[in-house]
Amino acid sequence: MDNSVAWRWRGFSRQVNPTRWRRLALALLCSGATALLALAVGTLPLSPWAVLQALAGQGDPGQVFIVSQLRLPRLLLAGLIGAALAVSGLVLQAIIRNPLASPELLGLSSGASASAVFYLGTLAGSWGLAYLPAAAMLGAGAAALAIYALAFAQGVSPLRLVLMGVGVSAMLGAATTFMLVFSPLATTLSAYVWLAGSVYGADWAAVRGLAGWLLALWLVLALLARQVRVQQLDGALALGLGAPLQRLRAALLAVSVALAGAAIAAGGAMAFVGLIAPHIARRLLPAGFAGQALMAGLVGANLVMLADLAGRTLFMPLDLPAGIFVAVFGAPYFLYLLIKQRA
């Protein structure tokens, strides 16, 4: 039975579902528990109380430094990257009306990877690594523009976007491999770490930069959220209802590209987050795009935070990229989705 409650204030009305908010609150509590675990576990284990004291700036100065300057920026950056990739995947799946759509399918990850490897092999020696995120974001944006231009024929259909995305992604993947083969060994090793996806060495500057960018994008997405349901209808029916289908599709695609590009630029190409987090979110919240976006962001954040925790602690003193553990979980889930789609 639907237990939704209507809330009205002047000309604004909203239907509130208590069950949906309880599930979001539970997901938020799980995120807090994950964060507390990640801050407590490491080479120097800390108790939850010691972590809370360190967050308040109290207690042992060494513990305060470890928590506030080493573990907390890395944790927050991992959470922001996971949330951005998850929401990007949710938007793409809504545009294309295909539950298997993801930033990897449309070539965004391949574009960012090719651009980053090119930068590492040609410009990093003179410019340093400070501009690597900008290069990755430009690569993702260029790939998205190329796919949109190639798929445009009196408008853009979801099927053409997928087909062009697969083709451009394959070409960019081949270009990345070609550049890695002819790059120096040091460049190749750095590129492979970045391609796997890692938040090693995260600092507060990276966290603030990504958080500000994502906040602006999520505000734009909030303005477009009410139109997503109409966009998911058949094209002729959506046009019959008066929806600006092509402009809406282009705006949503731009938001998705910007979210994925910013996340990949900050942490590398972490596969499967934008694919599996939206699925889990839809299972927890079957209806309502705004609620699904919040839930997908929380699921994606937890996924990357747990993956980074595993990479940091399971094989100490080695510090493995978080993307490896995301793939360990994501690949079997992707196979499950394929089998389910076939059935």
C-alpha atoms as a PDB file:
ATOM      1  CA  MET A   1       0.000   0.000   0.000  1.00  0.00           C
ATOM      2  CA  ASP A   2       1.262   3.453  -0.895  1.00  0.00           C
ATOM      3  CA  ASN A   3       1.723   5.469   2.304  1.00  0.00           C
ATOM      4  CA  SER A   4       2.797   8.689   0.594  1.00  0.00           C
ATOM      5  CA  VAL A   5       1.895  12.000   2.221  1.00  0.00           C
ATOM      6  CA  ALA A   6       1.135  15.143   0.191  1.00  0.00           C
ATOM      7  CA  TRP A   7       2.934  18.293   1.385  1.00  0.00           C
ATOM      8  CA  ARG A   8       1.823  21.672   0.047  1.00  0.00           C
ATOM      9  CA  TRP A   9       3.033  25.201   0.619  1.00  0.00           C
ATOM     10  CA  ARG A  10       1.467  27.983  -1.452  1.00  0.00           C
ATOM     11  CA  GLY A  11       2.045  27.050  -5.108  1.00  0.00           C
ATOM     12  CA  PHE A  12       4.472  24.241  -4.330  1.00  0.00           C
ATOM     13  CA  SER A  13       3.362  20.656  -3.729  1.00  0.00           C
ATOM     14  CA  ARG A  14       5.352  17.525  -3.103  1.00  0.00           C
ATOM     15  CA  GLN A  15       4.459  13.913  -2.399  1.00  0.00           C
ATOM     16  CA  VAL A  16       6.585  12.470   0.407  1.00  0.00           C
ATOM     17  CA  ASN A  17       7.003   8.731   0.919  1.00  0.00           C
ATOM     18  CA  PRO A  18       8.156   7.926   4.487  1.00  0.00           C
ATOM     19  CA  THR A  19       9.437   4.495   3.462  1.00  0.00           C
ATOM     20  CA  ARG A  20      11.706   6.069   0.854  1.00  0.00           C
ATOM     21  CA  TRP A  21      13.151   8.503   3.371  1.00  0.00           C
ATOM     22  CA  ARG A  22      13.716   5.750   5.915  1.00  0.00           C
ATOM     23  CA  ARG A  23      15.717   3.793   3.357  1.00  0.00           C
ATOM     24  CA  LEU A  24      17.745   6.872   2.455  1.00  0.00           C
ATOM     25  CA  ALA A  25      18.418   7.505   6.151  1.00  0.00           C
ATOM     26  CA  LEU A  26      19.534   3.892   6.582  1.00  0.00           C
ATOM     27  CA  ALA A  27      21.872   4.218   3.592  1.00  0.00           C
ATOM     28  CA  LEU A  28      23.271   7.406   5.111  1.00  0.00           C
ATOM     29  CA  LEU A  29      23.895   5.595   8.409  1.00  0.00           C
ATOM     30  CA  CYS A  30      25.676   2.813   6.514  1.00  0.00           C
ATOM     31  CA  SER A  31      27.860   5.455   4.865  1.00  0.00           C
ATOM     32  CA  GLY A  32      28.726   6.886   8.271  1.00  0.00           C
ATOM     33  CA  ALA A  33      29.633   3.425   9.573  1.00  0.00           C
ATOM     34  CA  THR A  34      31.796   2.788   6.517  1.00  0.00           C
ATOM     35  CA  ALA A  35      33.559   6.111   6.994  1.00  0.00           C
ATOM     36  CA  LEU A  36      34.217   5.421  10.681  1.00  0.00           C
ATOM     37  CA  LEU A  37      35.627   1.973   9.830  1.00  0.00           C
ATOM     38  CA  ALA A  38      37.878   3.407   7.107  1.00  0.00           C
ATOM     39  CA  LEU A  39      39.217   6.084   9.455  1.00  0.00           C
ATOM     40  CA  ALA A  40      39.897   3.565  12.224  1.00  0.00           C
ATOM     41  CA  VAL A  41      41.574   0.758  10.254  1.00  0.00           C
ATOM     42  CA  GLY A  42      45.110   1.038   8.898  1.00  0.00           C
ATOM     43  CA  THR A  43      48.754   0.570   9.730  1.00  0.00           C
ATOM     44  CA  LEU A  44      47.974   2.276  13.035  1.00  0.00           C
ATOM     45  CA  PRO A  45      44.581   0.908  14.202  1.00  0.00           C
ATOM     46  CA  LEU A  46      42.445   3.371  16.156  1.00  0.00           C
ATOM     47  CA  SER A  47      39.362   2.926  18.285  1.00  0.00           C
ATOM     48  CA  PRO A  48      36.119   4.622  17.180  1.00  0.00           C
ATOM     49  CA  TRP A  49      36.387   6.979  20.159  1.00  0.00           C
ATOM     50  CA  ALA A  50      39.950   7.912  19.199  1.00  0.00           C
ATOM     51  CA  VAL A  51      38.748   8.637  15.656  1.00  0.00           C
ATOM     52  CA  LEU A  52      35.964  10.900  16.921  1.00  0.00           C
ATOM     53  CA  GLN A  53      38.426  12.701  19.196  1.00  0.00           C
ATOM     54  CA  ALA A  54      40.854  13.178  16.317  1.00  0.00           C
ATOM     55  CA  LEU A  55      38.063  14.580  14.116  1.00  0.00           C
ATOM     56  CA  ALA A  56      37.362  17.107  16.865  1.00  0.00           C
ATOM     57  CA  GLY A  57      41.054  18.043  16.958  1.00  0.00           C
ATOM     58  CA  GLN A  58      41.620  16.503  20.375  1.00  0.00           C
ATOM     59  CA  GLY A  59      43.766  13.675  21.677  1.00  0.00           C
ATOM     60  CA  ASP A  60      47.203  12.591  20.511  1.00  0.00           C
ATOM     61  CA  PRO A  61      48.642  15.002  17.876  1.00  0.00           C
ATOM     62  CA  GLY A  62      49.974  12.089  15.818  1.00  0.00           C
ATOM     63  CA  GLN A  63      46.528  10.502  15.659  1.00  0.00           C
ATOM     64  CA  VAL A  64      44.955  13.845  14.768  1.00  0.00           C
ATOM     65  CA  PHE A  65      47.400  14.210  11.864  1.00  0.00           C
ATOM     66  CA  ILE A  66      46.792  10.645  10.614  1.00  0.00           C
ATOM     67  CA  VAL A  67      43.012  11.014  10.677  1.00  0.00           C
ATOM     68  CA  SER A  68      42.597  14.599   9.494  1.00  0.00           C
ATOM     69  CA  GLN A  69      45.428  14.874   6.966  1.00  0.00           C
ATOM     70  CA  LEU A  70      45.946  11.328   5.644  1.00  0.00           C
ATOM     71  CA  ARG A  71      42.824   9.198   5.987  1.00  0.00           C
ATOM     72  CA  LEU A  72      39.975  11.721   5.907  1.00  0.00           C
ATOM     73  CA  PRO A  73      40.858  13.464   2.594  1.00  0.00           C
ATOM     74  CA  ARG A  74      41.350  10.077   0.948  1.00  0.00           C
ATOM     75  CA  LEU A  75      38.029   8.824   2.317  1.00  0.00           C
ATOM     76  CA  LEU A  76      36.102  11.910   1.192  1.00  0.00           C
ATOM     77  CA  LEU A  77      37.667  11.889  -2.264  1.00  0.00           C
ATOM     78  CA  ALA A  78      36.764   8.210  -2.690  1.00  0.00           C
ATOM     79  CA  GLY A  79      33.190   8.913  -1.613  1.00  0.00           C
ATOM     80  CA  LEU A  80      32.804  11.882  -3.958  1.00  0.00           C
ATOM     81  CA  ILE A  81      34.210   9.907  -6.895  1.00  0.00           C
ATOM     82  CA  GLY A  82      31.864   6.991  -6.247  1.00  0.00           C
ATOM     83  CA  ALA A  83      28.839   9.273  -5.894  1.00  0.00           C
ATOM     84  CA  ALA A  84      29.655  11.183  -9.093  1.00  0.00           C
ATOM     85  CA  LEU A  85      30.153   8.024 -11.171  1.00  0.00           C
ATOM     86  CA  ALA A  86      26.968   6.459  -9.786  1.00  0.00           C
ATOM     87  CA  VAL A  87      24.777   9.481 -10.556  1.00  0.00           C
ATOM     88  CA  SER A  88      26.389   9.800 -13.989  1.00  0.00           C
ATOM     89  CA  GLY A  89      25.496   6.182 -14.729  1.00  0.00           C
ATOM     90  CA  LEU A  90      21.933   6.675 -13.487  1.00  0.00           C
ATOM     91  CA  VAL A  91      21.448   9.661 -15.795  1.00  0.00           C
ATOM     92  CA  LEU A  92      22.902   7.782 -18.772  1.00  0.00           C
ATOM     93  CA  GLN A  93      20.617   4.815 -18.154  1.00  0.00           C
ATOM     94  CA  ALA A  94      17.649   7.181 -18.039  1.00  0.00           C
ATOM     95  CA  ILE A  95      18.661   8.871 -21.315  1.00  0.00           C
ATOM     96  CA  ILE A  96      19.375   5.678 -23.223  1.00  0.00           C
ATOM     97  CA  ARG A  97      16.609   3.667 -21.548  1.00  0.00           C
ATOM     98  CA  ASN A  98      19.039   0.780 -21.187  1.00  0.00           C
ATOM     99  CA  PRO A  99      19.971  -0.627 -17.741  1.00  0.00           C
ATOM    100  CA  LEU A 100      23.408  -1.649 -19.035  1.00  0.00           C
ATOM    101  CA  ALA A 101      24.475   1.893 -19.975  1.00  0.00           C
ATOM    102  CA  SER A 102      27.433   3.379 -18.106  1.00  0.00           C
ATOM    103  CA  PRO A 103      30.194   5.974 -18.593  1.00  0.00           C
ATOM    104  CA  GLU A 104      32.442   3.190 -19.911  1.00  0.00           C
ATOM    105  CA  LEU A 105      29.896   2.213 -22.584  1.00  0.00           C
ATOM    106  CA  LEU A 106      29.695   5.739 -24.023  1.00  0.00           C
ATOM    107  CA  GLY A 107      33.439   6.167 -24.241  1.00  0.00           C
ATOM    108  CA  LEU A 108      33.807   8.699 -21.421  1.00  0.00           C
ATOM    109  CA  SER A 109      36.327   6.569 -19.529  1.00  0.00           C
ATOM    110  CA  SER A 110      38.182   5.726 -22.737  1.00  0.00           C
ATOM    111  CA  GLY A 111      38.389   9.395 -23.727  1.00  0.00           C
ATOM    112  CA  ALA A 112      39.693  10.417 -20.320  1.00  0.00           C
ATOM    113  CA  SER A 113      42.170   7.525 -20.287  1.00  0.00           C
ATOM    114  CA  ALA A 114      43.538   8.248 -23.746  1.00  0.00           C
ATOM    115  CA  SER A 115      43.957  11.929 -22.948  1.00  0.00           C
ATOM    116  CA  ALA A 116      45.634  11.179 -19.604  1.00  0.00           C
ATOM    117  CA  VAL A 117      48.070   8.683 -21.120  1.00  0.00           C
ATOM    118  CA  PHE A 118      48.911  11.154 -23.898  1.00  0.00           C
ATOM    119  CA  TYR A 119      49.561  13.852 -21.288  1.00  0.00           C
ATOM    120  CA  LEU A 120      51.745  11.517 -19.190  1.00  0.00           C
ATOM    121  CA  GLY A 121      53.784  10.549 -22.223  1.00  0.00           C
ATOM    122  CA  THR A 122      54.276  14.000 -23.757  1.00  0.00           C
ATOM    123  CA  LEU A 123      53.633  16.910 -21.393  1.00  0.00           C
ATOM    124  CA  ALA A 124      54.037  15.581 -17.857  1.00  0.00           C
ATOM    125  CA  GLY A 125      57.826  15.861 -18.007  1.00  0.00           C
ATOM    126  CA  SER A 126      57.717  19.637 -18.482  1.00  0.00           C
ATOM    127  CA  TRP A 127      54.366  20.566 -16.935  1.00  0.00           C
ATOM    128  CA  GLY A 128      54.238  18.076 -14.068  1.00  0.00           C
ATOM    129  CA  LEU A 129      51.171  16.136 -12.886  1.00  0.00           C
ATOM    130  CA  ALA A 130      49.180  19.166 -11.775  1.00  0.00           C
ATOM    131  CA  TYR A 131      47.323  19.368 -15.086  1.00  0.00           C
ATOM    132  CA  LEU A 132      46.581  15.635 -15.397  1.00  0.00           C
ATOM    133  CA  PRO A 133      42.974  15.986 -14.081  1.00  0.00           C
ATOM    134  CA  ALA A 134      42.309  18.797 -16.558  1.00  0.00           C
ATOM    135  CA  ALA A 135      43.658  16.666 -19.413  1.00  0.00           C
ATOM    136  CA  ALA A 136      41.450  13.732 -18.384  1.00  0.00           C
ATOM    137  CA  MET A 137      38.351  15.925 -18.181  1.00  0.00           C
ATOM    138  CA  LEU A 138      39.067  17.439 -21.596  1.00  0.00           C
ATOM    139  CA  GLY A 139      39.455  13.946 -23.026  1.00  0.00           C
ATOM    140  CA  ALA A 140      36.117  12.813 -21.624  1.00  0.00           C
ATOM    141  CA  GLY A 141      34.414  15.938 -22.945  1.00  0.00           C
ATOM    142  CA  ALA A 142      35.979  15.574 -26.395  1.00  0.00           C
ATOM    143  CA  ALA A 143      34.892  11.931 -26.593  1.00  0.00           C
ATOM    144  CA  ALA A 144      31.330  12.853 -25.602  1.00  0.00           C
ATOM    145  CA  LEU A 145      31.181  15.637 -28.212  1.00  0.00           C
ATOM    146  CA  ALA A 146      32.472  13.288 -30.899  1.00  0.00           C
ATOM    147  CA  ILE A 147      29.900  10.639 -29.997  1.00  0.00           C
ATOM    148  CA  TYR A 148      27.062  13.187 -29.926  1.00  0.00           C
ATOM    149  CA  ALA A 149      28.098  14.657 -33.280  1.00  0.00           C
ATOM    150  CA  LEU A 150      28.397  11.242 -34.927  1.00  0.00           C
ATOM    151  CA  ALA A 151      25.052  10.104 -33.516  1.00  0.00           C
ATOM    152  CA  PHE A 152      23.196  13.276 -34.514  1.00  0.00           C
ATOM    153  CA  ALA A 153      20.819  12.890 -37.421  1.00  0.00           C
ATOM    154  CA  GLN A 154      17.767  15.162 -37.019  1.00  0.00           C
ATOM    155  CA  GLY A 155      18.129  14.535 -33.329  1.00  0.00           C
ATOM    156  CA  VAL A 156      19.896  11.932 -31.226  1.00  0.00           C
ATOM    157  CA  SER A 157      18.357   8.527 -30.564  1.00  0.00           C
ATOM    158  CA  PRO A 158      19.437   6.292 -27.654  1.00  0.00           C
ATOM    159  CA  LEU A 159      20.386   3.456 -30.011  1.00  0.00           C
ATOM    160  CA  ARG A 160      22.711   5.658 -32.095  1.00  0.00           C
ATOM    161  CA  LEU A 161      24.341   6.985 -28.933  1.00  0.00           C
ATOM    162  CA  VAL A 162      25.101   3.450 -27.766  1.00  0.00           C
ATOM    163  CA  LEU A 163      26.452   2.297 -31.131  1.00  0.00           C
ATOM    164  CA  MET A 164      28.645   5.355 -31.602  1.00  0.00           C
ATOM    165  CA  GLY A 165      29.786   5.142 -27.991  1.00  0.00           C
ATOM    166  CA  VAL A 166      30.908   1.548 -28.390  1.00  0.00           C
ATOM    167  CA  GLY A 167      32.779   2.357 -31.596  1.00  0.00           C
ATOM    168  CA  VAL A 168      34.523   5.471 -30.261  1.00  0.00           C
ATOM    169  CA  SER A 169      35.372   3.660 -27.019  1.00  0.00           C
ATOM    170  CA  ALA A 170      37.014   0.818 -28.949  1.00  0.00           C
ATOM    171  CA  MET A 171      39.061   3.261 -31.047  1.00  0.00           C
ATOM    172  CA  LEU A 172      40.214   5.227 -27.997  1.00  0.00           C
ATOM    173  CA  GLY A 173      41.067   2.021 -26.153  1.00  0.00           C
ATOM    174  CA  ALA A 174      43.259   0.947 -29.053  1.00  0.00           C
ATOM    175  CA  ALA A 175      44.922   4.385 -29.105  1.00  0.00           C
ATOM    176  CA  THR A 176      45.623   4.129 -25.355  1.00  0.00           C
ATOM    177  CA  THR A 177      47.229   0.710 -25.777  1.00  0.00           C
ATOM    178  CA  PHE A 178      49.317   1.987 -28.697  1.00  0.00           C
ATOM    179  CA  MET A 179      50.624   4.907 -26.640  1.00  0.00           C
ATOM    180  CA  LEU A 180      51.426   2.640 -23.669  1.00  0.00           C
ATOM    181  CA  VAL A 181      53.426   0.262 -25.867  1.00  0.00           C
ATOM    182  CA  PHE A 182      55.687   3.039 -27.136  1.00  0.00           C
ATOM    183  CA  SER A 183      55.971   4.971 -23.847  1.00  0.00           C
ATOM    184  CA  PRO A 184      58.916   4.797 -21.433  1.00  0.00           C
ATOM    185  CA  LEU A 185      58.613   2.313 -18.598  1.00  0.00           C
ATOM    186  CA  ALA A 186      58.128   4.989 -15.930  1.00  0.00           C
ATOM    187  CA  THR A 187      55.282   6.566 -17.891  1.00  0.00           C
ATOM    188  CA  THR A 188      53.665   3.180 -18.468  1.00  0.00           C
ATOM    189  CA  LEU A 189      53.737   2.316 -14.763  1.00  0.00           C
ATOM    190  CA  SER A 190      52.215   5.679 -13.804  1.00  0.00           C
ATOM    191  CA  ALA A 191      49.552   5.283 -16.480  1.00  0.00           C
ATOM    192  CA  TYR A 192      48.585   1.794 -15.334  1.00  0.00           C
ATOM    193  CA  VAL A 193      48.077   2.992 -11.758  1.00  0.00           C
ATOM    194  CA  TRP A 194      45.887   5.824 -13.042  1.00  0.00           C
ATOM    195  CA  LEU A 195      43.968   3.519 -15.403  1.00  0.00           C
ATOM    196  CA  ALA A 196      43.212   1.128 -12.538  1.00  0.00           C
ATOM    197  CA  GLY A 197      41.730   3.963 -10.466  1.00  0.00           C
ATOM    198  CA  SER A 198      43.298   5.131  -7.221  1.00  0.00           C
ATOM    199  CA  VAL A 199      42.894   7.854  -4.587  1.00  0.00           C
ATOM    200  CA  TYR A 200      46.392   7.395  -3.201  1.00  0.00           C
ATOM    201  CA  GLY A 201      47.928  10.702  -2.107  1.00  0.00           C
ATOM    202  CA  ALA A 202      44.592  12.533  -1.888  1.00  0.00           C
ATOM    203  CA  ASP A 203      44.726  15.945  -0.233  1.00  0.00           C
ATOM    204  CA  TRP A 204      42.254  18.603   0.830  1.00  0.00           C
ATOM    205  CA  ALA A 205      42.792  20.666  -2.323  1.00  0.00           C
ATOM    206  CA  ALA A 206      41.571  17.765  -4.484  1.00  0.00           C
ATOM    207  CA  VAL A 207      38.587  17.198  -2.186  1.00  0.00           C
ATOM    208  CA  ARG A 208      37.548  20.861  -2.239  1.00  0.00           C
ATOM    209  CA  GLY A 209      37.957  21.109  -6.000  1.00  0.00           C
ATOM    210  CA  LEU A 210      35.862  18.028  -6.742  1.00  0.00           C
ATOM    211  CA  ALA A 211      33.237  18.875  -4.096  1.00  0.00           C
ATOM    212  CA  GLY A 212      32.680  22.361  -5.523  1.00  0.00           C
ATOM    213  CA  TRP A 213      32.374  21.033  -9.059  1.00  0.00           C
ATOM    214  CA  LEU A 214      29.929  18.291  -8.058  1.00  0.00           C
ATOM    215  CA  LEU A 215      27.793  20.653  -5.986  1.00  0.00           C
ATOM    216  CA  ALA A 216      27.254  22.893  -9.014  1.00  0.00           C
ATOM    217  CA  LEU A 217      26.401  19.899 -11.225  1.00  0.00           C
ATOM    218  CA  TRP A 218      23.984  18.399  -8.730  1.00  0.00           C
ATOM    219  CA  LEU A 219      22.140  21.722  -8.490  1.00  0.00           C
ATOM    220  CA  VAL A 220      21.717  21.682 -12.266  1.00  0.00           C
ATOM    221  CA  LEU A 221      20.550  18.063 -12.124  1.00  0.00           C
ATOM    222  CA  ALA A 222      18.008  18.963  -9.418  1.00  0.00           C
ATOM    223  CA  LEU A 223      16.444  21.472 -11.830  1.00  0.00           C
ATOM    224  CA  LEU A 224      16.202  18.802 -14.548  1.00  0.00           C
ATOM    225  CA  ALA A 225      15.048  15.932 -12.318  1.00  0.00           C
ATOM    226  CA  ARG A 226      11.313  16.507 -12.820  1.00  0.00           C
ATOM    227  CA  GLN A 227      11.738  16.182 -16.603  1.00  0.00           C
ATOM    228  CA  VAL A 228      13.589  12.877 -16.542  1.00  0.00           C
ATOM    229  CA  ARG A 229      10.434  10.767 -16.278  1.00  0.00           C
ATOM    230  CA  VAL A 230       9.024  12.389 -19.439  1.00  0.00           C
ATOM    231  CA  GLN A 231      12.337  11.834 -21.255  1.00  0.00           C
ATOM    232  CA  GLN A 232      12.145   8.100 -20.459  1.00  0.00           C
ATOM    233  CA  LEU A 233       8.928   7.772 -22.459  1.00  0.00           C
ATOM    234  CA  ASP A 234       8.835   6.849 -26.117  1.00  0.00           C
ATOM    235  CA  GLY A 235      10.158   9.714 -28.244  1.00  0.00           C
ATOM    236  CA  ALA A 236       6.907  10.345 -30.111  1.00  0.00           C
ATOM    237  CA  LEU A 237       4.883  10.287 -26.890  1.00  0.00           C
ATOM    238  CA  ALA A 238       7.279  12.683 -25.142  1.00  0.00           C
ATOM    239  CA  LEU A 239       7.119  15.095 -28.085  1.00  0.00           C
ATOM    240  CA  GLY A 240       3.330  14.810 -28.059  1.00  0.00           C
ATOM    241  CA  LEU A 241       3.324  15.918 -24.438  1.00  0.00           C
ATOM    242  CA  GLY A 242       5.285  19.013 -25.451  1.00  0.00           C
ATOM    243  CA  ALA A 243       8.608  18.034 -23.895  1.00  0.00           C
ATOM    244  CA  PRO A 244      11.732  19.594 -25.506  1.00  0.00           C
ATOM    245  CA  LEU A 245      13.154  16.111 -25.964  1.00  0.00           C
ATOM    246  CA  GLN A 246      16.412  16.873 -27.795  1.00  0.00           C
ATOM    247  CA  ARG A 247      17.352  19.849 -25.616  1.00  0.00           C
ATOM    248  CA  LEU A 248      16.572  17.882 -22.467  1.00  0.00           C
ATOM    249  CA  ARG A 249      18.568  14.891 -23.699  1.00  0.00           C
ATOM    250  CA  ALA A 250      21.549  17.102 -24.558  1.00  0.00           C
ATOM    251  CA  ALA A 251      21.414  18.834 -21.145  1.00  0.00           C
ATOM    252  CA  LEU A 252      21.235  15.543 -19.238  1.00  0.00           C
ATOM    253  CA  LEU A 253      24.054  14.103 -21.328  1.00  0.00           C
ATOM    254  CA  ALA A 254      26.201  17.169 -20.589  1.00  0.00           C
ATOM    255  CA  VAL A 255      25.596  16.784 -16.838  1.00  0.00           C
ATOM    256  CA  SER A 256      26.427  13.087 -16.996  1.00  0.00           C
ATOM    257  CA  VAL A 257      29.624  13.735 -18.941  1.00  0.00           C
ATOM    258  CA  ALA A 258      30.700  16.459 -16.518  1.00  0.00           C
ATOM    259  CA  LEU A 259      30.056  14.214 -13.492  1.00  0.00           C
ATOM    260  CA  ALA A 260      31.952  11.277 -14.961  1.00  0.00           C
ATOM    261  CA  GLY A 261      34.755  13.456 -16.313  1.00  0.00           C
ATOM    262  CA  ALA A 262      35.323  15.141 -12.954  1.00  0.00           C
ATOM    263  CA  ALA A 263      35.329  11.815 -11.106  1.00  0.00           C
ATOM    264  CA  ILE A 264      37.684  10.121 -13.562  1.00  0.00           C
ATOM    265  CA  ALA A 265      39.976  13.142 -13.539  1.00  0.00           C
ATOM    266  CA  ALA A 266      40.211  12.996  -9.744  1.00  0.00           C
ATOM    267  CA  GLY A 267      40.654   9.251  -9.254  1.00  0.00           C
ATOM    268  CA  GLY A 268      41.270   7.531 -12.550  1.00  0.00           C
ATOM    269  CA  ALA A 269      39.120   5.174 -14.573  1.00  0.00           C
ATOM    270  CA  MET A 270      37.166   3.122 -12.009  1.00  0.00           C
ATOM    271  CA  ALA A 271      35.023   0.731 -13.990  1.00  0.00           C
ATOM    272  CA  PHE A 272      31.587  -0.654 -13.045  1.00  0.00           C
ATOM    273  CA  VAL A 273      30.655   1.973 -10.418  1.00  0.00           C
ATOM    274  CA  GLY A 274      28.400   3.822 -12.859  1.00  0.00           C
ATOM    275  CA  LEU A 275      26.842   0.516 -13.905  1.00  0.00           C
ATOM    276  CA  ILE A 276      26.072  -1.362 -10.702  1.00  0.00           C
ATOM    277  CA  ALA A 277      25.328   1.470  -8.235  1.00  0.00           C
ATOM    278  CA  PRO A 278      22.218   2.659 -10.190  1.00  0.00           C
ATOM    279  CA  HIS A 279      20.908  -0.917 -10.287  1.00  0.00           C
ATOM    280  CA  ILE A 280      21.241  -1.313  -6.534  1.00  0.00           C
ATOM    281  CA  ALA A 281      19.623   2.106  -6.038  1.00  0.00           C
ATOM    282  CA  ARG A 282      16.617   1.179  -8.202  1.00  0.00           C
ATOM    283  CA  ARG A 283      16.147  -2.062  -6.278  1.00  0.00           C
ATOM    284  CA  LEU A 284      16.082  -0.110  -3.018  1.00  0.00           C
ATOM    285  CA  LEU A 285      13.933   2.730  -4.410  1.00  0.00           C
ATOM    286  CA  PRO A 286      11.841   1.483  -7.360  1.00  0.00           C
ATOM    287  CA  ALA A 287      10.348   4.905  -8.226  1.00  0.00           C
ATOM    288  CA  GLY A 288      11.317   8.574  -8.179  1.00  0.00           C
ATOM    289  CA  PHE A 289      14.403   9.827  -9.998  1.00  0.00           C
ATOM    290  CA  ALA A 290      15.434  12.326  -7.304  1.00  0.00           C
ATOM    291  CA  GLY A 291      15.380   9.661  -4.592  1.00  0.00           C
ATOM    292  CA  GLN A 292      17.156   7.197  -6.856  1.00  0.00           C
ATOM    293  CA  ALA A 293      19.880   9.761  -7.559  1.00  0.00           C
ATOM    294  CA  LEU A 294      20.449  10.269  -3.821  1.00  0.00           C
ATOM    295  CA  MET A 295      20.490   6.528  -3.190  1.00  0.00           C
ATOM    296  CA  ALA A 296      22.803   5.865  -6.168  1.00  0.00           C
ATOM    297  CA  GLY A 297      25.210   8.504  -4.871  1.00  0.00           C
ATOM    298  CA  LEU A 298      25.291   6.866  -1.426  1.00  0.00           C
ATOM    299  CA  VAL A 299      25.719   3.367  -2.899  1.00  0.00           C
ATOM    300  CA  GLY A 300      28.509   4.511  -5.220  1.00  0.00           C
ATOM    301  CA  ALA A 301      30.262   6.349  -2.388  1.00  0.00           C
ATOM    302  CA  ASN A 302      30.130   3.258  -0.157  1.00  0.00           C
ATOM    303  CA  LEU A 303      31.378   1.048  -2.963  1.00  0.00           C
ATOM    304  CA  VAL A 304      34.485   3.113  -3.677  1.00  0.00           C
ATOM    305  CA  MET A 305      35.182   3.794   0.009  1.00  0.00           C
ATOM    306  CA  LEU A 306      35.070   0.069   0.786  1.00  0.00           C
ATOM    307  CA  ALA A 307      37.194  -0.723  -2.278  1.00  0.00           C
ATOM    308  CA  ASP A 308      39.822   1.804  -1.191  1.00  0.00           C
ATOM    309  CA  LEU A 309      39.742   0.436   2.353  1.00  0.00           C
ATOM    310  CA  ALA A 310      40.345  -3.078   0.983  1.00  0.00           C
ATOM    311  CA  GLY A 311      43.192  -1.897  -1.236  1.00  0.00           C
ATOM    312  CA  ARG A 312      44.788  -0.033   1.650  1.00  0.00           C
ATOM    313  CA  THR A 313      44.540  -2.720   4.340  1.00  0.00           C
ATOM    314  CA  LEU A 314      44.189  -6.249   2.935  1.00  0.00           C
ATOM    315  CA  PHE A 315      47.741  -6.518   1.595  1.00  0.00           C
ATOM    316  CA  MET A 316      49.691  -4.198   3.909  1.00  0.00           C
ATOM    317  CA  PRO A 317      52.241  -2.748   3.490  1.00  0.00           C
ATOM    318  CA  LEU A 318      51.180  -2.688  -0.170  1.00  0.00           C
ATOM    319  CA  ASP A 319      48.652  -0.027  -1.163  1.00  0.00           C
ATOM    320  CA  LEU A 320      46.664  -1.322  -4.125  1.00  0.00           C
ATOM    321  CA  PRO A 321      44.433   0.844  -6.357  1.00  0.00           C
ATOM    322  CA  ALA A 322      40.787   0.929  -5.320  1.00  0.00           C
ATOM    323  CA  GLY A 323      39.708   0.287  -8.913  1.00  0.00           C
ATOM    324  CA  ILE A 324      40.991  -3.288  -8.685  1.00  0.00           C
ATOM    325  CA  PHE A 325      38.578  -4.124  -5.894  1.00  0.00           C
ATOM    326  CA  VAL A 326      35.702  -2.280  -7.558  1.00  0.00           C
ATOM    327  CA  ALA A 327      36.244  -4.522 -10.593  1.00  0.00           C
ATOM    328  CA  VAL A 328      36.447  -7.641  -8.404  1.00  0.00           C
ATOM    329  CA  PHE A 329      32.926  -6.920  -7.192  1.00  0.00           C
ATOM    330  CA  GLY A 330      31.599  -5.277 -10.336  1.00  0.00           C
ATOM    331  CA  ALA A 331      32.546  -7.886 -12.943  1.00  0.00           C
ATOM    332  CA  PRO A 332      30.484 -10.752 -11.394  1.00  0.00           C
ATOM    333  CA  TYR A 333      27.561  -8.375 -10.865  1.00  0.00           C
ATOM    334  CA  PHE A 334      27.782  -7.291 -14.504  1.00  0.00           C
ATOM    335  CA  LEU A 335      27.634 -10.944 -15.601  1.00  0.00           C
ATOM    336  CA  TYR A 336      24.605 -11.412 -13.374  1.00  0.00           C
ATOM    337  CA  LEU A 337      22.898  -8.453 -15.048  1.00  0.00           C
ATOM    338  CA  LEU A 338      23.646  -9.841 -18.500  1.00  0.00           C
ATOM    339  CA  ILE A 339      22.194 -13.227 -17.574  1.00  0.00           C
ATOM    340  CA  LYS A 340      19.160 -11.545 -16.070  1.00  0.00           C
ATOM    341  CA  GLN A 341      18.623  -9.433 -19.212  1.00  0.00           C
ATOM    342  CA  ARG A 342      18.888 -12.539 -21.372  1.00  0.00           C
ATOM    343  CA  ALA A 343      16.314 -14.339 -19.235  1.00  0.00           C
END
